């Protein structure tokens, strides 16, 4: 979910004097024949479903679903499906129009808020999504009103669910990676060995001497490939690093301990031992990567 609610974002908002003045709220409501109620501050609202629970007050925590739009119905922010947004009322965590608007609602209710610029992002706007001096329209559903203890319990339960989901996704991704590595090895006739971590390797040309160990200074040539065979990186000159120094991916830290001086081979690295679930440069998230390795020196 985009963090467009925070009021302390002026550092990355930009002023603009060349933007046409947006349609005023009053004209918008009149043109669309919307019989909205209003507050003395100029906030307009339509209760689509009144709800029947309590109304929040300063200090309460509210759980909401929302969709934030410009008056032309362009959506610039919304809560994630299955992940409602929570904030503390009266704590300047969201724009003033939303903060005051939820206090006009009852638990279980659905309301459309029409927010004047002075209660939104004012003359600053939000670069790339909200022009300066824009009235806003928020569709809001108030799911729950919580005191601190209820909020604390909700957040603990949420963290536990997110942790369980993360572990499930990690396990699923690992199983997928292992299958893809097995298929790649079979297709390329590589008779690999697999370690308990999921790393697969094969030595295609034996070297001499003891295998590398942590603390050794290695000098290698390498080529890095995706599963489709596309090269994403290669050493232009011998690459030097200290094994165990946390300067390379985990797949290298483990796999190069099977290589000795002069040896050549392949490392087939699952994403958790490579670059993980976050894109890195040319490498997409959750990528299995294949490295062709030649060890030149072990010092």
C-alpha atoms as a PDB file:
ATOM      1  CA  UNK A   1       0.000   0.000   0.000  1.00  0.00           C
ATOM      2  CA  UNK A   2       1.376   3.432  -0.869  1.00  0.00           C
ATOM      3  CA  UNK A   3       2.082   5.681   2.104  1.00  0.00           C
ATOM      4  CA  UNK A   4       0.189   8.684   0.761  1.00  0.00           C
ATOM      5  CA  UNK A   5      -1.545   9.358   4.066  1.00  0.00           C
ATOM      6  CA  UNK A   6       1.400  10.659   6.045  1.00  0.00           C
ATOM      7  CA  UNK A   7       1.371  14.375   6.610  1.00  0.00           C
ATOM      8  CA  UNK A   8       5.140  14.585   7.001  1.00  0.00           C
ATOM      9  CA  UNK A   9       5.828  14.120   3.307  1.00  0.00           C
ATOM     10  CA  UNK A  10       6.420  17.698   2.283  1.00  0.00           C
ATOM     11  CA  UNK A  11      10.074  16.928   1.602  1.00  0.00           C
ATOM     12  CA  UNK A  12       9.191  14.865  -1.437  1.00  0.00           C
ATOM     13  CA  UNK A  13       6.131  16.799  -2.594  1.00  0.00           C
ATOM     14  CA  UNK A  14       6.673  19.381  -5.329  1.00  0.00           C
ATOM     15  CA  UNK A  15       5.124  22.781  -5.931  1.00  0.00           C
ATOM     16  CA  UNK A  16       3.711  23.554  -9.372  1.00  0.00           C
ATOM     17  CA  UNK A  17       2.423  26.825 -10.761  1.00  0.00           C
ATOM     18  CA  UNK A  18       1.635  25.566 -14.242  1.00  0.00           C
ATOM     19  CA  UNK A  19      -1.157  23.137 -13.295  1.00  0.00           C
ATOM     20  CA  UNK A  20      -4.735  24.075 -14.139  1.00  0.00           C
ATOM     21  CA  UNK A  21      -7.024  24.655 -11.170  1.00  0.00           C
ATOM     22  CA  UNK A  22      -8.971  21.468 -10.360  1.00  0.00           C
ATOM     23  CA  UNK A  23     -12.741  21.427 -10.268  1.00  0.00           C
ATOM     24  CA  UNK A  24     -14.031  22.687  -6.904  1.00  0.00           C
ATOM     25  CA  UNK A  25     -15.863  20.328  -4.592  1.00  0.00           C
ATOM     26  CA  UNK A  26     -18.964  22.487  -4.602  1.00  0.00           C
ATOM     27  CA  UNK A  27     -19.211  22.471  -8.408  1.00  0.00           C
ATOM     28  CA  UNK A  28     -18.512  18.742  -8.522  1.00  0.00           C
ATOM     29  CA  UNK A  29     -21.255  17.952  -6.023  1.00  0.00           C
ATOM     30  CA  UNK A  30     -23.709  20.262  -7.792  1.00  0.00           C
ATOM     31  CA  UNK A  31     -22.940  18.881 -11.265  1.00  0.00           C
ATOM     32  CA  UNK A  32     -23.402  15.320 -10.020  1.00  0.00           C
ATOM     33  CA  UNK A  33     -26.512  16.158  -7.966  1.00  0.00           C
ATOM     34  CA  UNK A  34     -24.926  14.739  -4.798  1.00  0.00           C
ATOM     35  CA  UNK A  35     -26.768  15.758  -1.643  1.00  0.00           C
ATOM     36  CA  UNK A  36     -23.758  15.530   0.635  1.00  0.00           C
ATOM     37  CA  UNK A  37     -23.678  16.817   4.194  1.00  0.00           C
ATOM     38  CA  UNK A  38     -20.843  19.116   5.234  1.00  0.00           C
ATOM     39  CA  UNK A  39     -18.838  20.169   8.274  1.00  0.00           C
ATOM     40  CA  UNK A  40     -17.812  23.746   9.205  1.00  0.00           C
ATOM     41  CA  UNK A  41     -14.282  22.941   7.881  1.00  0.00           C
ATOM     42  CA  UNK A  42     -15.640  22.219   4.394  1.00  0.00           C
ATOM     43  CA  UNK A  43     -15.514  18.420   4.511  1.00  0.00           C
ATOM     44  CA  UNK A  44     -18.459  16.887   2.616  1.00  0.00           C
ATOM     45  CA  UNK A  45     -19.694  13.345   3.137  1.00  0.00           C
ATOM     46  CA  UNK A  46     -22.322  10.867   1.998  1.00  0.00           C
ATOM     47  CA  UNK A  47     -23.226   7.979   4.290  1.00  0.00           C
ATOM     48  CA  UNK A  48     -23.818   5.093   1.877  1.00  0.00           C
ATOM     49  CA  UNK A  49     -24.369   2.664   4.743  1.00  0.00           C
ATOM     50  CA  UNK A  50     -24.743   4.206   8.212  1.00  0.00           C
ATOM     51  CA  UNK A  51     -23.437   1.337  10.322  1.00  0.00           C
ATOM     52  CA  UNK A  52     -24.657   0.615  13.815  1.00  0.00           C
ATOM     53  CA  UNK A  53     -21.596   0.510  16.043  1.00  0.00           C
ATOM     54  CA  UNK A  54     -19.672   3.167  17.910  1.00  0.00           C
ATOM     55  CA  UNK A  55     -18.009   6.197  16.353  1.00  0.00           C
ATOM     56  CA  UNK A  56     -14.241   6.648  16.808  1.00  0.00           C
ATOM     57  CA  UNK A  57     -12.765   9.502  18.826  1.00  0.00           C
ATOM     58  CA  UNK A  58      -9.279  10.930  19.274  1.00  0.00           C
ATOM     59  CA  UNK A  59      -6.918   8.246  20.550  1.00  0.00           C
ATOM     60  CA  UNK A  60      -8.908   5.322  19.148  1.00  0.00           C
ATOM     61  CA  UNK A  61      -7.422   3.040  16.509  1.00  0.00           C
ATOM     62  CA  UNK A  62      -9.536   2.448  13.406  1.00  0.00           C
ATOM     63  CA  UNK A  63      -9.400  -0.373  10.894  1.00  0.00           C
ATOM     64  CA  UNK A  64     -10.618   0.676   7.453  1.00  0.00           C
ATOM     65  CA  UNK A  65     -10.853  -0.263   3.813  1.00  0.00           C
ATOM     66  CA  UNK A  66     -10.501   2.700   1.494  1.00  0.00           C
ATOM     67  CA  UNK A  67     -10.128   3.872  -2.076  1.00  0.00           C
ATOM     68  CA  UNK A  68      -8.621   7.326  -2.653  1.00  0.00           C
ATOM     69  CA  UNK A  69      -9.465   9.135  -5.893  1.00  0.00           C
ATOM     70  CA  UNK A  70      -9.271  12.439  -7.667  1.00  0.00           C
ATOM     71  CA  UNK A  71     -12.635  13.892  -8.655  1.00  0.00           C
ATOM     72  CA  UNK A  72     -12.281  12.363 -12.134  1.00  0.00           C
ATOM     73  CA  UNK A  73     -12.292   8.932 -10.409  1.00  0.00           C
ATOM     74  CA  UNK A  74      -8.545   8.367 -10.954  1.00  0.00           C
ATOM     75  CA  UNK A  75      -7.451   6.054  -8.120  1.00  0.00           C
ATOM     76  CA  UNK A  76      -4.158   7.154  -6.571  1.00  0.00           C
ATOM     77  CA  UNK A  77      -4.180   4.968  -3.468  1.00  0.00           C
ATOM     78  CA  UNK A  78      -6.196   2.156  -1.910  1.00  0.00           C
ATOM     79  CA  UNK A  79      -5.960  -0.468   0.802  1.00  0.00           C
ATOM     80  CA  UNK A  80      -4.642  -3.853  -0.207  1.00  0.00           C
ATOM     81  CA  UNK A  81      -7.118  -6.681  -0.703  1.00  0.00           C
ATOM     82  CA  UNK A  82      -7.289  -8.703   2.498  1.00  0.00           C
ATOM     83  CA  UNK A  83      -5.106  -6.193   4.345  1.00  0.00           C
ATOM     84  CA  UNK A  84      -7.121  -3.312   5.858  1.00  0.00           C
ATOM     85  CA  UNK A  85      -5.372  -0.111   6.916  1.00  0.00           C
ATOM     86  CA  UNK A  86      -5.088   0.857  10.588  1.00  0.00           C
ATOM     87  CA  UNK A  87      -4.240   4.217  12.127  1.00  0.00           C
ATOM     88  CA  UNK A  88      -4.733   6.184  15.336  1.00  0.00           C
ATOM     89  CA  UNK A  89      -7.334   8.917  15.165  1.00  0.00           C
ATOM     90  CA  UNK A  90      -6.109  12.405  16.034  1.00  0.00           C
ATOM     91  CA  UNK A  91      -2.410  11.480  15.841  1.00  0.00           C
ATOM     92  CA  UNK A  92      -1.644  13.229  12.503  1.00  0.00           C
ATOM     93  CA  UNK A  93      -0.953   9.895  10.808  1.00  0.00           C
ATOM     94  CA  UNK A  94      -3.253  10.608   7.858  1.00  0.00           C
ATOM     95  CA  UNK A  95      -4.554  13.645   6.014  1.00  0.00           C
ATOM     96  CA  UNK A  96      -6.924  15.836   8.002  1.00  0.00           C
ATOM     97  CA  UNK A  97      -9.951  15.029   5.851  1.00  0.00           C
ATOM     98  CA  UNK A  98      -9.673  11.303   6.488  1.00  0.00           C
ATOM     99  CA  UNK A  99      -8.869  11.780  10.163  1.00  0.00           C
ATOM    100  CA  UNK A 100     -11.987  13.882  10.696  1.00  0.00           C
ATOM    101  CA  UNK A 101     -14.079  11.891   8.256  1.00  0.00           C
ATOM    102  CA  UNK A 102     -13.862   8.570  10.097  1.00  0.00           C
ATOM    103  CA  UNK A 103     -15.118  10.304  13.237  1.00  0.00           C
ATOM    104  CA  UNK A 104     -18.381  11.014  11.394  1.00  0.00           C
ATOM    105  CA  UNK A 105     -18.874   7.274  10.805  1.00  0.00           C
ATOM    106  CA  UNK A 106     -20.136   4.378  12.883  1.00  0.00           C
ATOM    107  CA  UNK A 107     -18.527   0.963  12.992  1.00  0.00           C
ATOM    108  CA  UNK A 108     -19.665  -1.110  10.032  1.00  0.00           C
ATOM    109  CA  UNK A 109     -20.588   1.945   8.007  1.00  0.00           C
ATOM    110  CA  UNK A 110     -19.561   2.971   4.510  1.00  0.00           C
ATOM    111  CA  UNK A 111     -19.103   6.631   3.622  1.00  0.00           C
ATOM    112  CA  UNK A 112     -17.803   8.670   0.706  1.00  0.00           C
ATOM    113  CA  UNK A 113     -15.719  11.639   1.841  1.00  0.00           C
ATOM    114  CA  UNK A 114     -15.245  14.693  -0.383  1.00  0.00           C
ATOM    115  CA  UNK A 115     -12.129  16.396   0.944  1.00  0.00           C
ATOM    116  CA  UNK A 116     -11.140  19.991   0.114  1.00  0.00           C
ATOM    117  CA  UNK A 117      -7.450  20.628  -0.688  1.00  0.00           C
ATOM    118  CA  UNK A 118      -6.851  22.369   2.653  1.00  0.00           C
ATOM    119  CA  UNK A 119      -7.750  19.077   4.381  1.00  0.00           C
ATOM    120  CA  UNK A 120      -5.810  16.975   1.871  1.00  0.00           C
ATOM    121  CA  UNK A 121      -2.436  17.637   0.252  1.00  0.00           C
ATOM    122  CA  UNK A 122      -2.977  21.376  -0.001  1.00  0.00           C
ATOM    123  CA  UNK A 123      -0.862  23.343  -2.496  1.00  0.00           C
ATOM    124  CA  UNK A 124       1.840  20.667  -2.446  1.00  0.00           C
ATOM    125  CA  UNK A 125       0.066  17.694  -3.987  1.00  0.00           C
ATOM    126  CA  UNK A 126       1.856  14.351  -4.273  1.00  0.00           C
ATOM    127  CA  UNK A 127       4.365  14.136  -7.079  1.00  0.00           C
ATOM    128  CA  UNK A 128       3.191  11.860  -9.856  1.00  0.00           C
ATOM    129  CA  UNK A 129      -0.273  11.153  -8.450  1.00  0.00           C
ATOM    130  CA  UNK A 130      -2.043  14.111  -6.828  1.00  0.00           C
ATOM    131  CA  UNK A 131      -1.846  17.571  -8.481  1.00  0.00           C
ATOM    132  CA  UNK A 132      -1.488  20.603  -6.201  1.00  0.00           C
ATOM    133  CA  UNK A 133      -4.733  22.021  -4.765  1.00  0.00           C
ATOM    134  CA  UNK A 134      -6.709  18.878  -5.603  1.00  0.00           C
ATOM    135  CA  UNK A 135     -10.019  18.039  -3.937  1.00  0.00           C
ATOM    136  CA  UNK A 136     -10.135  14.336  -3.116  1.00  0.00           C
ATOM    137  CA  UNK A 137     -12.759  11.635  -2.894  1.00  0.00           C
ATOM    138  CA  UNK A 138     -12.373   8.729  -0.452  1.00  0.00           C
ATOM    139  CA  UNK A 139     -14.619   5.686  -0.276  1.00  0.00           C
ATOM    140  CA  UNK A 140     -14.212   4.395   3.288  1.00  0.00           C
ATOM    141  CA  UNK A 141     -15.551   1.368   5.157  1.00  0.00           C
ATOM    142  CA  UNK A 142     -15.055   1.451   8.923  1.00  0.00           C
ATOM    143  CA  UNK A 143     -14.398  -2.140   9.941  1.00  0.00           C
ATOM    144  CA  UNK A 144     -13.463  -1.745  13.592  1.00  0.00           C
ATOM    145  CA  UNK A 145     -12.793   0.764  16.359  1.00  0.00           C
ATOM    146  CA  UNK A 146     -10.175  -0.330  18.897  1.00  0.00           C
ATOM    147  CA  UNK A 147      -8.614   0.874  22.127  1.00  0.00           C
ATOM    148  CA  UNK A 148      -4.885   0.384  22.681  1.00  0.00           C
ATOM    149  CA  UNK A 149      -5.166  -3.142  24.077  1.00  0.00           C
ATOM    150  CA  UNK A 150      -7.365  -4.264  21.184  1.00  0.00           C
ATOM    151  CA  UNK A 151      -4.992  -2.600  18.711  1.00  0.00           C
ATOM    152  CA  UNK A 152      -1.969  -4.280  20.306  1.00  0.00           C
ATOM    153  CA  UNK A 153      -3.666  -7.681  20.117  1.00  0.00           C
ATOM    154  CA  UNK A 154      -4.688  -7.067  16.502  1.00  0.00           C
ATOM    155  CA  UNK A 155      -1.119  -6.137  15.505  1.00  0.00           C
ATOM    156  CA  UNK A 156       0.348  -9.191  17.244  1.00  0.00           C
ATOM    157  CA  UNK A 157      -2.114 -11.472  15.463  1.00  0.00           C
ATOM    158  CA  UNK A 158      -1.397  -9.714  12.157  1.00  0.00           C
ATOM    159  CA  UNK A 159       2.358 -10.153  12.582  1.00  0.00           C
ATOM    160  CA  UNK A 160       1.867 -13.840  13.362  1.00  0.00           C
ATOM    161  CA  UNK A 161      -0.275 -14.345  10.245  1.00  0.00           C
ATOM    162  CA  UNK A 162       2.250 -12.475   8.100  1.00  0.00           C
ATOM    163  CA  UNK A 163       5.107 -14.539   9.544  1.00  0.00           C
ATOM    164  CA  UNK A 164       3.262 -17.787   8.827  1.00  0.00           C
ATOM    165  CA  UNK A 165       2.465 -16.633   5.284  1.00  0.00           C
ATOM    166  CA  UNK A 166       6.096 -15.624   4.727  1.00  0.00           C
ATOM    167  CA  UNK A 167       7.329 -19.039   5.875  1.00  0.00           C
ATOM    168  CA  UNK A 168       4.785 -20.762   3.630  1.00  0.00           C
ATOM    169  CA  UNK A 169       5.907 -18.691   0.648  1.00  0.00           C
ATOM    170  CA  UNK A 170       9.582 -19.407   1.421  1.00  0.00           C
ATOM    171  CA  UNK A 171       8.946 -23.144   1.531  1.00  0.00           C
ATOM    172  CA  UNK A 172       6.906 -23.061  -1.659  1.00  0.00           C
ATOM    173  CA  UNK A 173       9.576 -21.011  -3.454  1.00  0.00           C
ATOM    174  CA  UNK A 174      12.318 -23.371  -2.285  1.00  0.00           C
ATOM    175  CA  UNK A 175      10.440 -26.423  -3.573  1.00  0.00           C
ATOM    176  CA  UNK A 176       9.933 -24.659  -6.906  1.00  0.00           C
ATOM    177  CA  UNK A 177      13.621 -23.730  -7.098  1.00  0.00           C
ATOM    178  CA  UNK A 178      14.758 -27.300  -6.410  1.00  0.00           C
ATOM    179  CA  UNK A 179      12.487 -28.617  -9.152  1.00  0.00           C
ATOM    180  CA  UNK A 180      13.737 -26.011 -11.638  1.00  0.00           C
ATOM    181  CA  UNK A 181      17.359 -26.823 -10.800  1.00  0.00           C
ATOM    182  CA  UNK A 182      16.743 -30.547 -11.310  1.00  0.00           C
ATOM    183  CA  UNK A 183      15.118 -29.860 -14.682  1.00  0.00           C
ATOM    184  CA  UNK A 184      17.974 -27.567 -15.745  1.00  0.00           C
ATOM    185  CA  UNK A 185      20.609 -30.114 -14.736  1.00  0.00           C
ATOM    186  CA  UNK A 186      18.840 -32.894 -16.652  1.00  0.00           C
ATOM    187  CA  UNK A 187      18.353 -30.748 -19.754  1.00  0.00           C
ATOM    188  CA  UNK A 188      22.035 -29.744 -19.749  1.00  0.00           C
ATOM    189  CA  UNK A 189      23.359 -33.193 -18.805  1.00  0.00           C
ATOM    190  CA  UNK A 190      24.948 -31.994 -15.573  1.00  0.00           C
ATOM    191  CA  UNK A 191      25.406 -34.760 -13.019  1.00  0.00           C
ATOM    192  CA  UNK A 192      25.068 -32.562  -9.987  1.00  0.00           C
ATOM    193  CA  UNK A 193      25.164 -33.203  -6.275  1.00  0.00           C
ATOM    194  CA  UNK A 194      22.748 -31.394  -3.978  1.00  0.00           C
ATOM    195  CA  UNK A 195      23.507 -30.212  -0.461  1.00  0.00           C
ATOM    196  CA  UNK A 196      20.919 -29.975   2.370  1.00  0.00           C
ATOM    197  CA  UNK A 197      20.646 -26.220   1.728  1.00  0.00           C
ATOM    198  CA  UNK A 198      19.338 -26.868  -1.802  1.00  0.00           C
ATOM    199  CA  UNK A 199      22.554 -25.875  -3.577  1.00  0.00           C
ATOM    200  CA  UNK A 200      23.546 -28.128  -6.484  1.00  0.00           C
ATOM    201  CA  UNK A 201      27.066 -28.309  -7.880  1.00  0.00           C
ATOM    202  CA  UNK A 202      29.228 -30.298 -10.267  1.00  0.00           C
ATOM    203  CA  UNK A 203      32.996 -30.302 -10.786  1.00  0.00           C
ATOM    204  CA  UNK A 204      33.657 -30.745 -14.508  1.00  0.00           C
ATOM    205  CA  UNK A 205      37.451 -30.416 -14.296  1.00  0.00           C
ATOM    206  CA  UNK A 206      39.285 -31.418 -11.099  1.00  0.00           C
ATOM    207  CA  UNK A 207      42.044 -29.203  -9.784  1.00  0.00           C
ATOM    208  CA  UNK A 208      44.917 -29.815  -7.402  1.00  0.00           C
ATOM    209  CA  UNK A 209      45.424 -29.362  -3.714  1.00  0.00           C
ATOM    210  CA  UNK A 210      43.014 -28.901  -0.842  1.00  0.00           C
ATOM    211  CA  UNK A 211      39.521 -27.508  -1.391  1.00  0.00           C
ATOM    212  CA  UNK A 212      38.950 -23.853  -0.518  1.00  0.00           C
ATOM    213  CA  UNK A 213      37.931 -23.058   3.035  1.00  0.00           C
ATOM    214  CA  UNK A 214      36.762 -20.005   4.911  1.00  0.00           C
ATOM    215  CA  UNK A 215      39.504 -17.455   5.249  1.00  0.00           C
ATOM    216  CA  UNK A 216      41.124 -18.340   1.917  1.00  0.00           C
ATOM    217  CA  UNK A 217      41.625 -15.605  -0.647  1.00  0.00           C
ATOM    218  CA  UNK A 218      40.191 -16.837  -3.970  1.00  0.00           C
ATOM    219  CA  UNK A 219      40.806 -15.628  -7.485  1.00  0.00           C
ATOM    220  CA  UNK A 220      38.203 -16.886  -9.973  1.00  0.00           C
ATOM    221  CA  UNK A 221      36.649 -16.369 -13.365  1.00  0.00           C
ATOM    222  CA  UNK A 222      32.902 -16.780 -13.584  1.00  0.00           C
ATOM    223  CA  UNK A 223      29.835 -16.443 -15.769  1.00  0.00           C
ATOM    224  CA  UNK A 224      26.313 -16.031 -14.380  1.00  0.00           C
ATOM    225  CA  UNK A 225      23.254 -17.303 -16.256  1.00  0.00           C
ATOM    226  CA  UNK A 226      19.514 -17.407 -15.814  1.00  0.00           C
ATOM    227  CA  UNK A 227      17.671 -20.697 -16.307  1.00  0.00           C
ATOM    228  CA  UNK A 228      16.808 -19.686 -19.868  1.00  0.00           C
ATOM    229  CA  UNK A 229      20.507 -19.544 -20.704  1.00  0.00           C
ATOM    230  CA  UNK A 230      20.790 -15.765 -20.859  1.00  0.00           C
ATOM    231  CA  UNK A 231      24.036 -14.377 -19.460  1.00  0.00           C
ATOM    232  CA  UNK A 232      23.506 -11.675 -16.823  1.00  0.00           C
ATOM    233  CA  UNK A 233      27.048 -11.199 -15.545  1.00  0.00           C
ATOM    234  CA  UNK A 234      30.620 -12.302 -16.226  1.00  0.00           C
ATOM    235  CA  UNK A 235      34.030 -11.425 -14.838  1.00  0.00           C
ATOM    236  CA  UNK A 236      36.019  -9.187 -17.178  1.00  0.00           C
ATOM    237  CA  UNK A 237      39.172  -9.921 -15.173  1.00  0.00           C
ATOM    238  CA  UNK A 238      39.826 -12.395 -12.350  1.00  0.00           C
ATOM    239  CA  UNK A 239      37.573 -11.680  -9.385  1.00  0.00           C
ATOM    240  CA  UNK A 240      39.180 -11.775  -5.950  1.00  0.00           C
ATOM    241  CA  UNK A 241      37.463 -12.136  -2.589  1.00  0.00           C
ATOM    242  CA  UNK A 242      37.865 -13.807   0.805  1.00  0.00           C
ATOM    243  CA  UNK A 243      35.716 -16.869   1.337  1.00  0.00           C
ATOM    244  CA  UNK A 244      33.621 -16.454   4.471  1.00  0.00           C
ATOM    245  CA  UNK A 245      33.868 -12.681   4.357  1.00  0.00           C
ATOM    246  CA  UNK A 246      30.172 -12.181   3.492  1.00  0.00           C
ATOM    247  CA  UNK A 247      31.102 -10.346   0.285  1.00  0.00           C
ATOM    248  CA  UNK A 248      29.422 -12.843  -2.079  1.00  0.00           C
ATOM    249  CA  UNK A 249      26.103 -14.710  -2.162  1.00  0.00           C
ATOM    250  CA  UNK A 250      25.553 -17.648   0.178  1.00  0.00           C
ATOM    251  CA  UNK A 251      25.553 -20.061  -2.760  1.00  0.00           C
ATOM    252  CA  UNK A 252      29.162 -19.109  -3.481  1.00  0.00           C
ATOM    253  CA  UNK A 253      30.184 -19.191   0.176  1.00  0.00           C
ATOM    254  CA  UNK A 254      29.001 -22.789   0.412  1.00  0.00           C
ATOM    255  CA  UNK A 255      29.622 -24.052  -3.103  1.00  0.00           C
ATOM    256  CA  UNK A 256      33.181 -22.855  -3.616  1.00  0.00           C
ATOM    257  CA  UNK A 257      34.283 -24.993  -0.692  1.00  0.00           C
ATOM    258  CA  UNK A 258      33.928 -27.945  -3.095  1.00  0.00           C
ATOM    259  CA  UNK A 259      36.454 -26.407  -5.519  1.00  0.00           C
ATOM    260  CA  UNK A 260      40.251 -26.479  -5.380  1.00  0.00           C
ATOM    261  CA  UNK A 261      42.918 -24.637  -7.358  1.00  0.00           C
ATOM    262  CA  UNK A 262      42.509 -25.153 -11.101  1.00  0.00           C
ATOM    263  CA  UNK A 263      39.094 -26.781 -10.818  1.00  0.00           C
ATOM    264  CA  UNK A 264      36.153 -25.859 -13.002  1.00  0.00           C
ATOM    265  CA  UNK A 265      32.466 -26.524 -12.576  1.00  0.00           C
ATOM    266  CA  UNK A 266      28.963 -25.228 -12.052  1.00  0.00           C
ATOM    267  CA  UNK A 267      26.953 -23.903  -9.130  1.00  0.00           C
ATOM    268  CA  UNK A 268      23.158 -24.109  -9.451  1.00  0.00           C
ATOM    269  CA  UNK A 269      21.871 -21.749  -6.790  1.00  0.00           C
ATOM    270  CA  UNK A 270      18.299 -21.546  -5.418  1.00  0.00           C
ATOM    271  CA  UNK A 271      16.982 -18.030  -4.903  1.00  0.00           C
ATOM    272  CA  UNK A 272      17.248 -18.122  -1.112  1.00  0.00           C
ATOM    273  CA  UNK A 273      21.032 -18.657  -1.452  1.00  0.00           C
ATOM    274  CA  UNK A 274      21.314 -16.064  -4.226  1.00  0.00           C
ATOM    275  CA  UNK A 275      19.482 -12.734  -4.351  1.00  0.00           C
ATOM    276  CA  UNK A 276      16.244 -13.665  -2.591  1.00  0.00           C
ATOM    277  CA  UNK A 277      12.765 -12.173  -2.999  1.00  0.00           C
ATOM    278  CA  UNK A 278      13.901  -8.649  -3.938  1.00  0.00           C
ATOM    279  CA  UNK A 279      14.988  -7.668  -7.491  1.00  0.00           C
ATOM    280  CA  UNK A 280      18.689  -6.779  -7.717  1.00  0.00           C
ATOM    281  CA  UNK A 281      19.761  -4.938 -10.866  1.00  0.00           C
ATOM    282  CA  UNK A 282      19.072  -7.205 -13.845  1.00  0.00           C
ATOM    283  CA  UNK A 283      18.087 -10.095 -11.595  1.00  0.00           C
ATOM    284  CA  UNK A 284      14.345 -10.537 -10.941  1.00  0.00           C
ATOM    285  CA  UNK A 285      13.020 -11.519  -7.534  1.00  0.00           C
ATOM    286  CA  UNK A 286      13.165 -15.217  -6.609  1.00  0.00           C
ATOM    287  CA  UNK A 287      15.590 -16.091  -9.417  1.00  0.00           C
ATOM    288  CA  UNK A 288      17.479 -19.369  -9.589  1.00  0.00           C
ATOM    289  CA  UNK A 289      20.944 -18.503 -10.928  1.00  0.00           C
ATOM    290  CA  UNK A 290      23.573 -20.668 -12.580  1.00  0.00           C
ATOM    291  CA  UNK A 291      27.307 -19.963 -12.326  1.00  0.00           C
ATOM    292  CA  UNK A 292      30.114 -21.396 -14.397  1.00  0.00           C
ATOM    293  CA  UNK A 293      33.218 -21.244 -12.201  1.00  0.00           C
ATOM    294  CA  UNK A 294      36.974 -21.556 -12.787  1.00  0.00           C
ATOM    295  CA  UNK A 295      39.237 -21.270  -9.720  1.00  0.00           C
ATOM    296  CA  UNK A 296      42.567 -19.672 -10.617  1.00  0.00           C
ATOM    297  CA  UNK A 297      44.171 -19.243  -7.188  1.00  0.00           C
ATOM    298  CA  UNK A 298      43.539 -20.187  -3.563  1.00  0.00           C
ATOM    299  CA  UNK A 299      45.662 -18.234  -1.140  1.00  0.00           C
END
